[in-house]
Amino acid sequence: MADARPASQSTFRSGAFRFALVFAGVFAIAAFLILGMVRHQVGRYAHEAMAGTLETETATLVAEDRGALAAEIARRMTAAPDGTFHYLLLDATGRPLVGTVPVSAARVGWSQVVMQEHPPTPTDPERPERLVTLGTRLADGSLLVVATDGYDVDKLGGHMIRFTILWAIAITLIALIGGWMAGRIFLTRLGAANAAIERIVAGRTEQRLPMIGLAPELDDLARNINRMLDRIDGLMEGLRQVSTDVAHDLRTPLTRLRQMLEAAREAPGRDETDAGIEVALAQADQLLATFRAILRLAQIEGGGRRTPFAPIDLGELLRTLIETYEPVAIDADHALGATLIADATVNGDAELLAQLFANLIENAIIHTPSGTRVSIGVERAPGEISVVVSDNGPGVPANERERITRRFYQVDPSRSSGSSGLGLSIANAIVTLHGARLSIGDAGPGLRIAVSFQEWNGGAPDR
């Protein structure tokens, strides 16, 4: 059954949302680091600017005449009572002469002091200010302290902290929303693929996965799964065909075998009994040969019991097979000829390739009348080597050629040849295993079967 959970729950449990959550955390940390660095640099610049104004103001006052310094400070305080700077001037004995800065800030160099300019009231609960002070010892021993409040710098720092936090939260939320949307889109696309899989599980084996469309690699995955399903569907169809054909094709020899054994049991003489047993044994051998062919076909299609691929010289392989089958062709009153070429090398399994071409040669000898000529040739095209087995016999009708590689299929309905009908099926399975191409055509007259391989280019032979 399909997952019945709400889409929102499935979205939050999706891999896309989890990845977005991880990246949201990374973005938030990066935002904190970047904005924290910005805040640090801005605060540093603000402090340097504040220190520069203090040093400038102090230098201006130090340049004043000592006797007029107190009056100048008082003038500045009167002209700008809420100005940027605060002052304190002490004489050589430490007695305050002028200024509003607390005496506790009377020290040379940089310092800080907390000061409240005005007493707090219910309507104006003014908070104490943090002052940055710069103290300078004058030539006559007096001490000049110039101060400025750090309110603007502190306010800027507070704004930067809030800015950093708010933007980090915003970036995290944007990443989470993006992850949720990506998860929704991903699950919507993936839902179609899951629905197709559910239909396949339910028995609709013709169903295939749709393209997901989010990324090329996901579409490649869907295509490969569809190819796998095509392969499985083909194997299942082959299994159904085998089940039907085995039941049909083996019923007749089993019936004959039983009849022969009954006849042998009821035969009055020894000779009749021996003859019946011989016929029964022949029928049993035919059944065993059929089952061996079925097992071999299953092994080849499943990729089992094969050696690693290696470079194979087709000329040498075919020359050996022709020497083996020449006496068989002569006994059947057939002529066997060959046209081979040198250096026809392909990548494959020598044992399986030998069985492939042996099946093609046997098929040409068994299913053609006496006096037929069977020819084996090797042809080269750019990047390709083809082995052609042809004869000048009656051939196969065009509408039958696509079916002769099916299991147990025989053009002759009488099956008088005693063949199991699996020779070309095994040959076709070997061709598929080697990634080759099998084509069946007219030899004019006769049948022409060509197997085309990719020519070995000297690379790694095993696969």
Foldseek 3Di string as FASTA:
>chain_A
DDDPDDLLVQLCVDPLLVVLLVVLVVLLVVLLVVLVVVLVVVLVVVVVVVVVVQVVVVVVLLPDDPVCSQVVLVVVCVVCVPDFKWKWKAAQVLHTDDTDDDSVPQDAAWDKDWADPDPADPVRRDDIFIKIWHWDQHPRNMIMIMIGTCVVSVVSSVVSVVVSVVVSVVSSVVSSVVSSVVSSLQCVLVVQQVVQVVVVVVPPLVGAGDQSPPDPVSSVVSVVVRVVSVLVVVVVVLVVVCVVLCVVVLVVLVVLLVVLCVQLVPPPDPVSNVVSVVVNVVSVVLVVVLVVLVVLLVCLLVVHDFDFKDKDWVQVLVVVLCVVCVVVLVVQQEAEEEAEDGPQIAIGTSVLVSLLVNLVVCCQSLPFHHPKYWYWYWDDDVQKIKIKIKIQGQADDPVCVVPLLRFQDDPDPVCVSSDRSNSSVSSVSRLVSQVWDWDWDCPPPTIMIMIMGGGDPPPDRGD
